[in-house]
Amino acid sequence: MNRQLINGLLTAVSIAVLSACSTGLKPVQNSMITVEPQPLTLAGSEVPAQIHITFPQKYFGKNATLKVSPVLRYPGGEQRADSYTFQGENVRGNETPVSYAQGGRMTISSTFKYKPAMLRSNLWLRFEAYNGKSKIVMPDIKVGEGVIGTADLATVEDATPALAPDKFQRIIKQAYDANILFLIQQANVRQGELTKEDVEEWRYIVQNAHEDLTQRVSVEVQSYASPDGKKDLNEKLSAQRERNTTAKLKDAFRKQNLQDLQDLEINAHYTAEDWDGFQRLVEASNLPDKDLVLRVLNMYPDPEQREREIRNISAVFSHLADEILPQLRRSRLIANVEIIGKSDEKIKEWSEKLPGHLNLEEQLYAAKLLDTYEKKKRMYNIARQLYPKDYRSYNNLGVLEFEQGNLSRAKYWFDQANKVKMNPESNLNLALLEMGEGNTERADQLLSTAGSVPEIGQAMGMLELKQGKYAEAAKAFSGIINNNSAVVSILNEDYAEARRILTAIPHPNAKTYYLQAIVAARMNNSKDLLSYLNEAIQMDKRYAYRAAVDLEFASVASLPEFKALIK
């Protein structure tokens, strides 16, 4: 073989080797991968991951394709995120191209639907590679370990459901009034005014309230003069009308044999010129040009100027003198009656012995006074049976079951309440249940109909937390003292606020202490961490299993004291 032929063959082999290198792929190495965050962290109800792959120069063959599938493996299963495919320069397709000569840094944005088992998990990358049509075997590689799942410690079970309110009032205040009218520029009380039907009825209301042991009564007299005439004269006139009315009223009580009321202190006042009453009567009248009169009242604050301007409207003043002004020359009699309801002790006693004799508002109120699940349930059921068209007893039965952790039964009663009447309390409570199932969109729809229910702030905070909007959730939870509020503060890295909230919880449970341990861990206080974690585990052994895989405690995982706690 001549030298020229040999050189030609060597050149061909060299080109073939270079061509193979420029079209193939070597296995992806861990050194080419970075993952953010590290470790992965639950955000809302999902675990996001940003995976960066750096392809070196002359790595990605021109005829190669590489499909990358992020997979989160955990005990009992795995979850694969969306795959990304990259292609070499010579490949015809719509995938992301990678330069052979320059390489490149590519980012894969992945999201996994959270499951509690993911606390102990590993993030893997699975590859499917080809050089042209030839498949290249490429092993999976592990690129991450574990998920910080602190956000899942905020739960619907710790939320406050909406109790439909009762309208029970211990003291019901009612006011009754009647008017004694006077002639122009006179202050004597005419006998006919005292015997008018409405005045006599008013006196007997006072008498009955005075004699009823369940009621209290007080009496007021407010005397007026009409705003025509000079102010000093009107002031003397209204004061005399007040004195004469009070005297006549006490004399009338004496004639009714109300001995106690004869010495009753009558709260008496007088007003020289009743411009407010004048305006109200004009507004309610059918007087011609009444808008002109009202305009004068607004334009002239000085009483004397008002009177002059109104008198100048000659066509109107005669109507005012005949129809409006006589009604303002009066003494108004006011009886303030307080109806005193049953005491808490009496309501509790009746709820046990005669619950059907309580009215609906008393029954709903009684349920709040009772101290056991069974007693409350019995009271709400009685209210439901006696008043089936009132949604509140159904909703409150649902709240009762919610607080017991019986969420399916709670949902049944909330649905029943809405069947009786669509209402904001039940919609808010159903929204909480939807959040617990991960249905944030449906929960959002329900909360939009919850109106101004007092618990709306907490519910909105829970929704924003589940959506990963931690700053917004913190605003919604402002002023709320419970475990969920503390979780929000931890997620916002406001550890001083989280500690303040947890310390202020009146009845701390195992989760409260576990959250205290997390705060201590984030503040590098291993002593408090171990102390609080011990409290949590003593109250609920399940927290030992969680702590064993919780990366919040990675800094102390090797300590003998920690290992002893989680055994």
Protein backbone atom coordinates (compact mmCIF):
# COMPACT_ATOMS: atom_id res chain seq x y z
CA MET A 1 0.00 0.00 0.00
CA ASN A 2 1.50 3.33 -1.02
CA ARG A 3 2.05 6.20 1.38
CA GLN A 4 -0.59 8.39 -0.31
CA LEU A 5 -3.30 5.73 0.22
CA ILE A 6 -2.30 5.24 3.85
CA ASN A 7 -2.48 8.98 4.54
CA GLY A 8 -5.93 9.12 2.93
CA LEU A 9 -7.23 6.29 5.12
CA LEU A 10 -5.85 7.94 8.28
CA THR A 11 -7.52 11.21 7.36
CA ALA A 12 -10.85 9.45 6.84
CA VAL A 13 -10.59 7.70 10.20
CA SER A 14 -9.76 10.99 11.94
CA ILE A 15 -12.78 12.69 10.36
CA ALA A 16 -15.02 9.78 11.42
CA VAL A 17 -13.76 10.00 15.01
CA LEU A 18 -14.27 13.76 15.12
CA SER A 19 -17.72 13.33 13.63
CA ALA A 20 -18.68 10.77 16.29
CA CYS A 21 -17.49 13.09 19.05
CA SER A 22 -19.46 15.97 17.61
CA THR A 23 -22.69 14.00 17.35
CA GLY A 24 -22.71 11.94 20.58
CA LEU A 25 -23.46 12.64 24.28
CA LYS A 26 -21.65 11.61 27.41
CA PRO A 27 -23.62 10.92 30.61
CA VAL A 28 -24.70 14.07 32.47
CA GLN A 29 -22.62 14.58 35.61
CA ASN A 30 -23.65 16.07 38.96
CA SER A 31 -21.03 18.74 38.47
CA MET A 32 -23.13 20.06 35.58
CA ILE A 33 -26.26 20.45 37.79
CA THR A 34 -27.38 23.04 40.33
CA VAL A 35 -30.82 23.08 41.98
CA GLU A 36 -32.65 25.97 43.63
CA PRO A 37 -33.74 25.99 46.38
CA GLN A 38 -31.56 23.45 48.09
CA PRO A 39 -33.14 21.68 49.86
CA LEU A 40 -36.47 21.94 48.08
CA THR A 41 -39.13 23.84 50.02
CA LEU A 42 -42.90 23.57 50.02
CA ALA A 43 -44.50 26.78 48.73
CA GLY A 44 -48.25 26.88 49.21
CA SER A 45 -49.35 23.42 48.12
CA GLU A 46 -46.53 22.75 45.64
CA VAL A 47 -42.81 22.04 45.66
CA PRO A 48 -41.06 24.18 43.04
CA ALA A 49 -37.58 23.48 41.73
CA GLN A 50 -35.31 25.42 39.41
CA ILE A 51 -32.83 22.95 37.84
CA HIS A 52 -29.88 24.46 35.99
CA ILE A 53 -27.87 22.29 33.58
CA THR A 54 -24.58 23.66 32.28
CA PHE A 55 -23.52 21.92 29.04
CA PRO A 56 -19.75 22.38 28.49
CA GLN A 57 -18.25 23.45 25.18
CA LYS A 58 -18.10 20.65 22.58
CA TYR A 59 -20.36 18.50 24.78
CA PHE A 60 -23.72 18.55 23.04
CA GLY A 61 -23.43 16.67 19.75
CA LYS A 62 -24.87 18.32 16.70
CA ASN A 63 -27.14 15.33 15.95
CA ALA A 64 -28.03 14.60 19.59
CA THR A 65 -31.30 15.02 21.51
CA LEU A 66 -31.64 14.84 25.27
CA LYS A 67 -34.94 14.56 27.14
CA VAL A 68 -34.69 15.41 30.85
CA SER A 69 -37.43 14.40 33.30
CA PRO A 70 -37.23 15.62 36.94
CA VAL A 71 -38.58 12.94 39.30
CA LEU A 72 -39.21 13.31 43.02
CA ARG A 73 -39.01 9.89 44.67
CA TYR A 74 -40.43 9.34 48.15
CA PRO A 75 -41.51 6.35 50.26
CA GLY A 76 -44.42 4.69 48.52
CA GLY A 77 -44.16 6.44 45.19
CA GLU A 78 -42.70 9.02 42.89
CA GLN A 79 -43.90 12.07 40.99
CA ARG A 80 -42.56 13.22 37.64
CA ALA A 81 -42.59 16.85 36.59
CA ASP A 82 -42.84 18.10 33.01
CA SER A 83 -40.01 16.95 30.76
CA TYR A 84 -37.69 19.28 28.85
CA THR A 85 -35.96 18.29 25.60
CA PHE A 86 -32.78 19.79 24.16
CA GLN A 87 -31.43 19.25 20.65
CA GLY A 88 -28.17 19.63 18.76
CA GLU A 89 -27.55 22.12 16.00
CA ASN A 90 -28.27 19.72 13.12
CA VAL A 91 -31.50 18.30 14.56
CA ARG A 92 -34.69 19.46 12.90
CA GLY A 93 -37.27 20.07 15.59
CA ASN A 94 -38.85 22.61 17.90
CA GLU A 95 -36.93 21.79 21.04
CA THR A 96 -34.40 24.01 22.83
CA PRO A 97 -31.15 24.09 20.82
CA VAL A 98 -27.70 23.76 22.42
CA SER A 99 -24.56 24.95 20.66
CA TYR A 100 -21.85 22.35 20.18
CA ALA A 101 -19.02 24.86 20.16
CA GLN A 102 -20.22 27.08 22.98
CA GLY A 103 -22.38 24.79 25.12
CA GLY A 104 -24.92 26.62 27.30
CA ARG A 105 -26.70 26.94 30.64
CA MET A 106 -30.30 25.72 30.51
CA THR A 107 -32.98 26.02 33.19
CA ILE A 108 -35.75 23.55 33.90
CA SER A 109 -38.64 24.93 35.98
CA SER A 110 -40.42 22.09 37.73
CA THR A 111 -43.32 21.82 40.13
CA PHE A 112 -44.45 18.85 42.22
CA LYS A 113 -47.82 18.53 43.93
CA TYR A 114 -46.93 18.21 47.60
CA LYS A 115 -47.47 15.08 49.65
CA PRO A 116 -46.34 14.73 53.28
CA ALA A 117 -44.20 11.72 52.35
CA MET A 118 -41.98 14.09 50.34
CA LEU A 119 -40.31 15.25 53.56
CA ARG A 120 -38.11 12.20 53.03
CA SER A 121 -37.47 12.30 49.32
CA ASN A 122 -34.81 12.56 46.63
CA LEU A 123 -34.84 14.59 43.45
CA TRP A 124 -33.60 12.65 40.44
CA LEU A 125 -33.10 13.46 36.81
CA ARG A 126 -34.11 10.81 34.31
CA PHE A 127 -32.65 10.97 30.79
CA GLU A 128 -33.62 9.78 27.37
CA ALA A 129 -30.79 10.44 24.90
CA TYR A 130 -30.30 9.81 21.18
CA ASN A 131 -27.53 10.31 18.69
CA GLY A 132 -29.56 10.55 15.52
CA LYS A 133 -31.78 7.50 15.79
CA SER A 134 -29.39 5.59 18.01
CA LYS A 135 -30.37 5.48 21.66
CA ILE A 136 -27.72 6.36 24.20
CA VAL A 137 -27.95 4.69 27.61
CA MET A 138 -27.65 7.33 30.30
CA PRO A 139 -28.16 6.57 34.02
CA ASP A 140 -30.43 8.61 36.34
CA ILE A 141 -28.63 10.95 38.72
CA LYS A 142 -29.67 12.23 42.14
CA VAL A 143 -29.50 16.01 42.36
CA GLY A 144 -31.35 16.84 45.58
CA GLU A 145 -32.40 15.39 48.92
CA GLY A 146 -35.46 16.15 51.04
CA VAL A 147 -38.20 18.81 51.15
CA ILE A 148 -38.73 21.39 53.88
CA GLY A 149 -42.48 21.13 54.42
CA THR A 150 -43.07 23.64 57.24
CA ALA A 151 -45.87 25.31 55.29
CA ASP A 152 -47.99 22.15 55.65
CA LEU A 153 -48.12 22.71 59.42
CA ALA A 154 -50.73 25.39 58.70
CA THR A 155 -53.87 23.30 58.44
CA VAL A 156 -57.58 23.78 57.98
CA GLU A 157 -58.15 21.92 61.26
CA ASP A 158 -56.44 24.80 63.08
CA ALA A 159 -58.57 27.41 61.29
CA THR A 160 -61.56 29.05 62.95
CA PRO A 161 -64.88 28.16 61.28
CA ALA A 162 -67.74 30.65 61.18
CA LEU A 163 -70.46 30.16 63.79
CA ALA A 164 -73.78 31.67 62.71
CA PRO A 165 -74.56 34.26 65.41
CA ASP A 166 -77.54 34.29 67.71
CA LYS A 167 -79.46 37.51 68.37
CA PHE A 168 -79.91 36.93 72.06
CA GLN A 169 -79.87 40.12 74.14
CA ARG A 170 -79.66 40.08 77.90
CA ILE A 171 -81.33 43.49 78.06
CA ILE A 172 -83.65 44.63 75.29
CA LYS A 173 -84.09 48.39 75.25
CA GLN A 174 -87.31 49.90 73.96
CA ALA A 175 -88.49 53.49 73.96
CA TYR A 176 -92.11 54.66 73.94
CA ASP A 177 -93.15 58.26 73.54
CA ALA A 178 -96.18 60.56 73.41
CA ASN A 179 -96.60 64.31 72.90
CA ILE A 180 -98.41 66.93 74.98
CA LEU A 181 -99.13 69.93 72.76
CA PHE A 182 -99.39 73.58 73.83
CA LEU A 183 -101.09 76.63 72.44
CA ILE A 184 -98.95 79.38 71.00
CA GLN A 185 -97.04 81.33 73.70
CA GLN A 186 -98.68 79.27 76.47
CA ALA A 187 -97.15 76.83 78.96
CA ASN A 188 -100.18 75.50 80.85
CA VAL A 189 -100.90 71.78 80.38
CA ARG A 190 -104.47 71.40 79.17
CA GLN A 191 -106.54 68.60 80.68
CA GLY A 192 -107.51 67.34 77.25
CA GLU A 193 -103.87 66.69 76.40
CA LEU A 194 -103.41 64.53 79.50
CA THR A 195 -106.39 62.36 78.64
CA LYS A 196 -105.50 61.80 75.00
CA GLU A 197 -105.41 58.14 74.00
CA ASP A 198 -101.67 58.05 73.20
CA VAL A 199 -100.75 59.80 76.50
CA GLU A 200 -102.93 57.46 78.57
CA GLU A 201 -101.45 54.45 76.74
CA TRP A 202 -97.97 55.80 77.47
CA ARG A 203 -98.76 56.09 81.20
CA TYR A 204 -99.95 52.50 81.36
CA ILE A 205 -96.82 51.28 79.56
CA VAL A 206 -94.81 52.96 82.33
CA GLN A 207 -97.05 51.37 84.96
CA ASN A 208 -96.80 47.86 83.51
CA ALA A 209 -93.03 48.08 83.11
CA HIS A 210 -92.72 49.34 86.67
CA GLU A 211 -94.74 46.45 88.07
CA ASP A 212 -93.02 43.74 85.96
CA LEU A 213 -90.04 42.27 87.82
CA THR A 214 -88.33 41.48 84.51
CA GLN A 215 -88.39 45.11 83.37
CA ARG A 216 -86.89 48.44 84.35
CA VAL A 217 -88.28 51.83 83.35
CA SER A 218 -87.03 55.40 83.38
CA VAL A 219 -88.91 58.52 82.27
CA GLU A 220 -87.78 61.60 80.36
CA VAL A 221 -89.53 64.87 79.52
CA GLN A 222 -88.20 66.98 76.64
CA SER A 223 -90.00 70.30 76.14
CA TYR A 224 -89.78 72.61 73.14
CA ALA A 225 -90.91 75.90 71.70
CA SER A 226 -91.48 76.45 68.01
CA PRO A 227 -88.76 78.49 66.26
CA ASP A 228 -91.00 81.50 65.54
CA GLY A 229 -90.77 84.41 67.97
CA LYS A 230 -87.88 85.83 69.94
CA LYS A 231 -85.30 83.41 71.32
CA ASP A 232 -85.32 84.66 74.94
CA LEU A 233 -89.10 84.36 75.06
CA ASN A 234 -88.98 80.87 73.60
CA GLU A 235 -86.37 79.82 76.13
CA LYS A 236 -88.55 80.91 79.06
CA LEU A 237 -91.57 79.31 77.43
CA SER A 238 -89.95 75.90 76.86
CA ALA A 239 -88.50 75.88 80.40
CA GLN A 240 -91.95 76.56 81.89
CA ARG A 241 -93.52 73.87 79.72
CA GLU A 242 -90.94 71.40 81.04
CA ARG A 243 -91.70 72.30 84.70
CA ASN A 244 -95.47 72.17 84.21
CA THR A 245 -95.32 68.87 82.34
CA THR A 246 -93.15 67.24 84.99
CA ALA A 247 -95.51 68.35 87.76
CA LYS A 248 -98.59 67.14 85.90
CA LEU A 249 -96.91 63.82 85.15
CA LYS A 250 -96.12 63.14 88.81
CA ASP A 251 -99.70 64.09 89.72
CA ALA A 252 -100.95 61.60 87.12
CA PHE A 253 -98.75 58.85 88.62
CA ARG A 254 -100.24 59.65 92.03
CA LYS A 255 -103.75 59.25 90.68
CA GLN A 256 -102.71 55.87 89.23
CA ASN A 257 -101.62 54.86 92.74
CA LEU A 258 -98.03 54.40 91.54
CA GLN A 259 -96.54 55.39 94.86
CA ASP A 260 -93.00 54.53 93.83
CA LEU A 261 -93.27 56.50 90.61
CA GLN A 262 -94.39 59.63 92.43
CA ASP A 263 -90.85 59.95 93.73
CA LEU A 264 -89.33 58.83 90.44
CA GLU A 265 -86.63 61.16 89.21
CA ILE A 266 -87.80 62.43 85.85
CA ASN A 267 -84.95 63.34 83.56
CA ALA A 268 -86.23 66.67 82.20
CA HIS A 269 -84.80 68.95 79.50
CA TYR A 270 -85.97 71.78 77.33
CA THR A 271 -84.95 73.21 73.96
CA ALA A 272 -85.71 76.83 73.21
CA GLU A 273 -86.21 76.55 69.45
CA ASP A 274 -86.72 73.20 67.82
CA TRP A 275 -85.12 73.81 64.42
CA ASP A 276 -84.24 70.10 64.00
CA GLY A 277 -87.86 69.10 64.51
CA PHE A 278 -88.92 71.89 62.16
CA GLN A 279 -86.65 70.56 59.39
CA ARG A 280 -87.86 66.97 59.83
CA LEU A 281 -91.53 67.98 59.63
CA VAL A 282 -90.94 70.16 56.55
CA GLU A 283 -89.04 67.35 54.78
CA ALA A 284 -91.92 64.93 55.45
CA SER A 285 -94.65 67.43 54.42
CA ASN A 286 -96.35 68.22 51.14
CA LEU A 287 -95.99 71.98 51.58
CA PRO A 288 -95.63 74.09 48.42
CA ASP A 289 -92.08 75.43 47.96
CA LYS A 290 -90.78 73.26 50.81
CA ASP A 291 -87.44 72.97 48.98
CA LEU A 292 -87.10 76.74 49.25
CA VAL A 293 -87.63 76.57 53.02
CA LEU A 294 -85.07 73.80 53.37
CA ARG A 295 -82.61 75.80 51.31
CA VAL A 296 -83.03 78.74 53.70
CA LEU A 297 -82.26 76.43 56.66
CA ASN A 298 -79.02 75.34 55.01
CA MET A 299 -77.98 78.83 53.95
CA TYR A 300 -78.54 80.72 57.21
CA PRO A 301 -77.19 79.20 60.47
CA ASP A 302 -78.30 82.22 62.55
CA PRO A 303 -81.79 81.46 64.03
CA GLU A 304 -83.11 85.03 63.82
CA GLN A 305 -82.02 85.44 60.21
CA ARG A 306 -83.61 82.07 59.39
CA GLU A 307 -86.94 83.21 60.85
CA ARG A 308 -86.84 86.50 58.93
CA GLU A 309 -86.10 84.80 55.63
CA ILE A 310 -88.84 82.21 56.12
CA ARG A 311 -91.39 84.89 57.06
CA ASN A 312 -90.47 86.68 53.84
CA ILE A 313 -91.74 83.67 51.90
CA SER A 314 -95.31 84.81 52.47
CA ALA A 315 -96.92 82.11 50.31
CA VAL A 316 -95.36 79.41 52.46
CA PHE A 317 -95.37 80.88 55.95
CA SER A 318 -99.15 80.66 56.40
CA HIS A 319 -98.93 76.90 55.71
CA LEU A 320 -96.07 76.58 58.16
CA ALA A 321 -98.04 78.46 60.83
CA ASP A 322 -101.06 76.19 60.37
CA GLU A 323 -99.44 72.77 59.78
CA ILE A 324 -95.87 72.65 61.10
CA LEU A 325 -95.35 75.10 63.97
CA PRO A 326 -98.22 73.84 66.20
CA GLN A 327 -96.61 70.38 66.27
CA LEU A 328 -93.40 71.86 67.67
CA ARG A 329 -95.01 73.48 70.73
CA ARG A 330 -94.84 70.37 72.82
CA SER A 331 -93.47 68.28 75.64
CA ARG A 332 -92.27 64.89 74.53
CA LEU A 333 -92.83 62.09 77.08
CA ILE A 334 -90.30 59.26 76.77
CA ALA A 335 -90.45 55.93 78.60
CA ASN A 336 -87.16 53.97 78.38
CA VAL A 337 -88.04 50.34 79.10
CA GLU A 338 -85.41 47.66 79.62
CA ILE A 339 -86.62 44.07 79.32
CA ILE A 340 -84.24 41.90 81.34
CA GLY A 341 -83.66 38.47 79.82
CA LYS A 342 -82.78 35.18 81.50
CA SER A 343 -79.43 34.88 83.21
CA ASP A 344 -76.82 32.44 81.88
CA GLU A 345 -77.53 30.14 84.80
CA LYS A 346 -81.25 30.15 84.07
CA ILE A 347 -80.72 29.52 80.35
CA LYS A 348 -78.41 26.58 81.10
CA GLU A 349 -80.96 25.18 83.54
CA TRP A 350 -83.78 25.47 80.99
CA SER A 351 -81.62 23.95 78.27
CA GLU A 352 -81.30 20.82 80.40
CA LYS A 353 -84.89 20.60 81.64
CA LEU A 354 -87.15 22.58 79.31
CA PRO A 355 -85.19 23.34 76.12
CA GLY A 356 -88.37 23.62 74.04
CA HIS A 357 -89.52 26.53 76.21
CA LEU A 358 -86.54 28.62 75.15
CA ASN A 359 -86.99 30.70 72.02
CA LEU A 360 -84.67 30.21 69.04
CA GLU A 361 -82.22 32.95 70.00
CA GLU A 362 -82.01 31.58 73.55
CA GLN A 363 -81.43 28.05 72.22
CA LEU A 364 -78.58 29.16 69.95
CA TYR A 365 -77.10 31.17 72.80
CA ALA A 366 -77.52 28.25 75.22
CA ALA A 367 -75.43 25.98 72.98
CA LYS A 368 -72.47 28.34 73.40
CA LEU A 369 -72.80 28.14 77.20
CA LEU A 370 -72.77 24.35 77.32
CA ASP A 371 -69.44 22.63 77.94
CA THR A 372 -69.55 19.29 76.10
CA TYR A 373 -69.90 18.20 72.50
CA GLU A 374 -72.94 16.05 73.28
CA LYS A 375 -74.81 18.83 75.10
CA LYS A 376 -74.13 21.34 72.36
CA LYS A 377 -75.16 18.86 69.68
CA ARG A 378 -78.43 18.11 71.51
CA MET A 379 -79.24 21.81 71.80
CA TYR A 380 -78.58 22.53 68.11
CA ASN A 381 -80.64 19.53 67.08
CA ILE A 382 -83.58 20.74 69.20
CA ALA A 383 -83.30 24.17 67.59
CA ARG A 384 -83.17 22.56 64.14
CA GLN A 385 -86.28 20.47 64.80
CA LEU A 386 -88.29 23.35 66.27
CA TYR A 387 -87.12 25.93 63.71
CA PRO A 388 -86.29 23.93 60.55
CA LYS A 389 -86.38 27.01 58.30
CA ASP A 390 -83.55 28.78 60.12
CA TYR A 391 -80.14 27.84 58.66
CA ARG A 392 -78.10 28.73 61.74
CA SER A 393 -78.61 25.52 63.72
CA TYR A 394 -77.54 23.45 60.68
CA ASN A 395 -74.40 25.53 60.16
CA ASN A 396 -73.51 25.42 63.84
CA LEU A 397 -73.88 21.64 63.92
CA GLY A 398 -71.33 21.65 61.09
CA VAL A 399 -69.00 23.87 63.12
CA LEU A 400 -69.34 21.47 66.04
CA GLU A 401 -68.34 18.52 63.84
CA PHE A 402 -65.52 20.58 62.27
CA GLU A 403 -64.06 21.26 65.71
CA GLN A 404 -64.20 17.52 66.45
CA GLY A 405 -62.29 16.75 63.24
CA ASN A 406 -65.33 15.11 61.63
CA LEU A 407 -64.91 16.99 58.36
CA SER A 408 -67.22 14.84 56.21
CA ARG A 409 -70.05 15.32 58.74
CA ALA A 410 -69.25 19.01 58.90
CA LYS A 411 -69.59 19.31 55.13
CA TYR A 412 -72.97 17.56 55.27
CA TRP A 413 -74.35 20.12 57.72
CA PHE A 414 -72.88 23.11 55.88
CA ASP A 415 -74.55 21.86 52.69
CA GLN A 416 -77.84 21.40 54.57
CA ALA A 417 -77.60 24.96 55.90
CA ASN A 418 -77.17 26.29 52.37
CA LYS A 419 -80.18 24.29 51.23
CA VAL A 420 -82.29 26.05 53.85
CA LYS A 421 -80.78 29.41 52.90
CA MET A 422 -77.61 30.29 51.04
CA ASN A 423 -75.52 32.03 53.68
CA PRO A 424 -72.03 33.50 54.12
CA GLU A 425 -71.04 31.48 57.21
CA SER A 426 -71.59 28.10 55.55
CA ASN A 427 -69.85 29.25 52.37
CA LEU A 428 -66.80 30.31 54.36
CA ASN A 429 -66.76 26.97 56.17
CA LEU A 430 -67.08 25.05 52.91
CA ALA A 431 -64.20 27.13 51.54
CA LEU A 432 -62.02 25.93 54.44
CA LEU A 433 -62.90 22.32 53.60
CA GLU A 434 -62.06 22.90 49.92
CA MET A 435 -58.66 24.28 50.95
CA GLY A 436 -58.06 21.13 52.94
CA GLU A 437 -58.63 19.15 49.74
CA GLY A 438 -56.30 21.40 47.78
CA ASN A 439 -59.12 23.00 45.78
CA THR A 440 -57.98 26.61 46.13
CA GLU A 441 -59.89 27.84 43.08
CA ARG A 442 -63.20 26.57 44.44
CA ALA A 443 -62.33 27.93 47.89
CA ASP A 444 -61.70 31.35 46.35
CA GLN A 445 -65.14 31.28 44.70
CA LEU A 446 -66.84 30.42 47.98
CA LEU A 447 -65.00 33.10 49.94
CA SER A 448 -66.16 35.72 47.45
CA THR A 449 -69.69 35.09 48.77
CA ALA A 450 -68.74 35.11 52.47
CA GLY A 451 -69.25 38.85 52.84
CA SER A 452 -68.19 40.41 56.12
CA VAL A 453 -68.25 37.30 58.31
CA PRO A 454 -65.81 37.99 61.20
CA GLU A 455 -63.70 34.93 60.34
CA ILE A 456 -63.12 36.07 56.73
CA GLY A 457 -59.64 37.41 57.54
CA GLN A 458 -58.36 34.06 58.74
CA ALA A 459 -59.97 32.21 55.85
CA MET A 460 -58.41 34.59 53.31
CA GLY A 461 -55.08 34.19 55.07
CA MET A 462 -55.33 30.41 54.74
CA LEU A 463 -56.16 30.71 51.04
CA GLU A 464 -53.22 33.03 50.37
CA LEU A 465 -50.95 30.72 52.34
CA LYS A 466 -52.09 27.76 50.21
CA GLN A 467 -51.37 29.86 47.12
CA GLY A 468 -47.86 30.63 48.37
CA LYS A 469 -48.62 34.34 48.91
CA TYR A 470 -46.98 34.60 52.31
CA ALA A 471 -46.73 38.39 52.56
CA GLU A 472 -50.46 38.77 51.80
CA ALA A 473 -51.26 35.97 54.26
CA ALA A 474 -49.37 37.81 57.00
CA LYS A 475 -51.56 40.88 56.50
CA ALA A 476 -54.73 38.76 56.63
CA PHE A 477 -53.57 37.05 59.86
CA SER A 478 -52.61 40.33 61.54
CA GLY A 479 -53.79 40.26 65.15
CA ILE A 480 -54.68 36.54 65.06
CA ILE A 481 -53.12 34.35 67.73
CA ASN A 482 -53.02 30.71 66.64
CA ASN A 483 -50.70 28.10 65.13
CA ASN A 484 -51.54 29.03 61.55
CA SER A 485 -50.63 32.66 62.15
CA ALA A 486 -47.29 31.55 63.61
CA VAL A 487 -46.58 29.39 60.55
CA VAL A 488 -47.14 32.41 58.30
CA SER A 489 -44.63 34.43 60.34
CA ILE A 490 -42.07 31.60 60.09
CA LEU A 491 -42.52 31.42 56.32
CA ASN A 492 -41.95 35.19 56.14
CA GLU A 493 -38.82 34.70 58.29
CA ASP A 494 -40.24 36.96 61.00
CA TYR A 495 -39.12 34.75 63.85
CA ALA A 496 -39.61 37.30 66.62
CA GLU A 497 -43.28 37.65 65.63
CA ALA A 498 -43.67 33.88 65.35
CA ARG A 499 -42.27 33.43 68.86
CA ARG A 500 -44.55 36.19 70.21
CA ILE A 501 -47.62 34.53 68.70
CA LEU A 502 -46.72 31.04 69.92
CA THR A 503 -46.02 32.28 73.44
CA ALA A 504 -49.41 34.06 73.52
CA ILE A 505 -51.50 31.03 72.50
CA PRO A 506 -53.70 30.40 75.57
CA HIS A 507 -53.94 26.63 75.18
CA PRO A 508 -50.79 25.40 73.41
CA ASN A 509 -50.88 21.93 71.85
CA ALA A 510 -48.20 19.63 70.47
CA LYS A 511 -48.01 21.55 67.20
CA THR A 512 -47.50 24.81 69.11
CA TYR A 513 -44.39 23.39 70.77
CA TYR A 514 -43.18 21.83 67.51
CA LEU A 515 -43.40 25.25 65.84
CA GLN A 516 -41.50 26.72 68.79
CA ALA A 517 -38.78 24.14 68.10
CA ILE A 518 -38.63 25.19 64.42
CA VAL A 519 -38.29 28.86 65.41
CA ALA A 520 -35.48 27.92 67.81
CA ALA A 521 -33.76 25.91 65.06
CA ARG A 522 -33.91 28.84 62.64
CA MET A 523 -32.48 31.11 65.33
CA ASN A 524 -29.65 28.60 66.05
CA ASN A 525 -30.84 27.98 69.61
CA SER A 526 -30.33 24.24 70.02
CA LYS A 527 -31.15 24.28 73.75
CA ASP A 528 -34.65 25.68 73.23
CA LEU A 529 -35.06 23.50 70.14
CA LEU A 530 -34.57 20.31 72.14
CA SER A 531 -36.74 21.55 75.01
CA TYR A 532 -39.71 22.50 72.82
CA LEU A 533 -39.38 19.37 70.70
CA ASN A 534 -39.48 17.27 73.85
CA GLU A 535 -42.74 19.02 74.89
CA ALA A 536 -44.27 18.34 71.46
CA ILE A 537 -43.32 14.67 71.45
CA GLN A 538 -44.55 14.16 75.02
CA MET A 539 -47.98 15.45 73.92
CA ASP A 540 -48.07 13.67 70.55
CA LYS A 541 -45.64 10.88 69.58
CA ARG A 542 -46.25 11.52 65.87
CA TYR A 543 -44.00 14.54 66.05
CA ALA A 544 -41.04 12.25 66.78
CA TYR A 545 -41.53 10.61 63.37
CA ARG A 546 -41.80 13.97 61.65
CA ALA A 547 -38.78 15.41 63.43
CA ALA A 548 -36.69 12.42 62.30
CA VAL A 549 -37.10 13.45 58.63
CA ASP A 550 -37.65 17.20 59.04
CA LEU A 551 -34.76 19.14 57.51
CA GLU A 552 -35.61 22.05 59.82
CA PHE A 553 -33.59 20.09 62.40
CA ALA A 554 -30.66 19.12 60.15
CA SER A 555 -28.26 21.16 62.32
CA VAL A 556 -28.91 18.95 65.36
CA ALA A 557 -29.60 15.64 63.64
CA SER A 558 -26.29 14.18 64.79
CA LEU A 559 -26.64 15.20 68.45
CA PRO A 560 -27.22 12.31 70.87
CA GLU A 561 -29.95 14.30 72.66
CA PHE A 562 -31.86 14.72 69.41
CA LYS A 563 -31.49 11.07 68.50
CA ALA A 564 -32.80 10.10 71.92
CA LEU A 565 -35.90 12.26 71.43
CA ILE A 566 -36.89 10.77 68.07
CA LYS A 567 -36.41 7.10 69.00
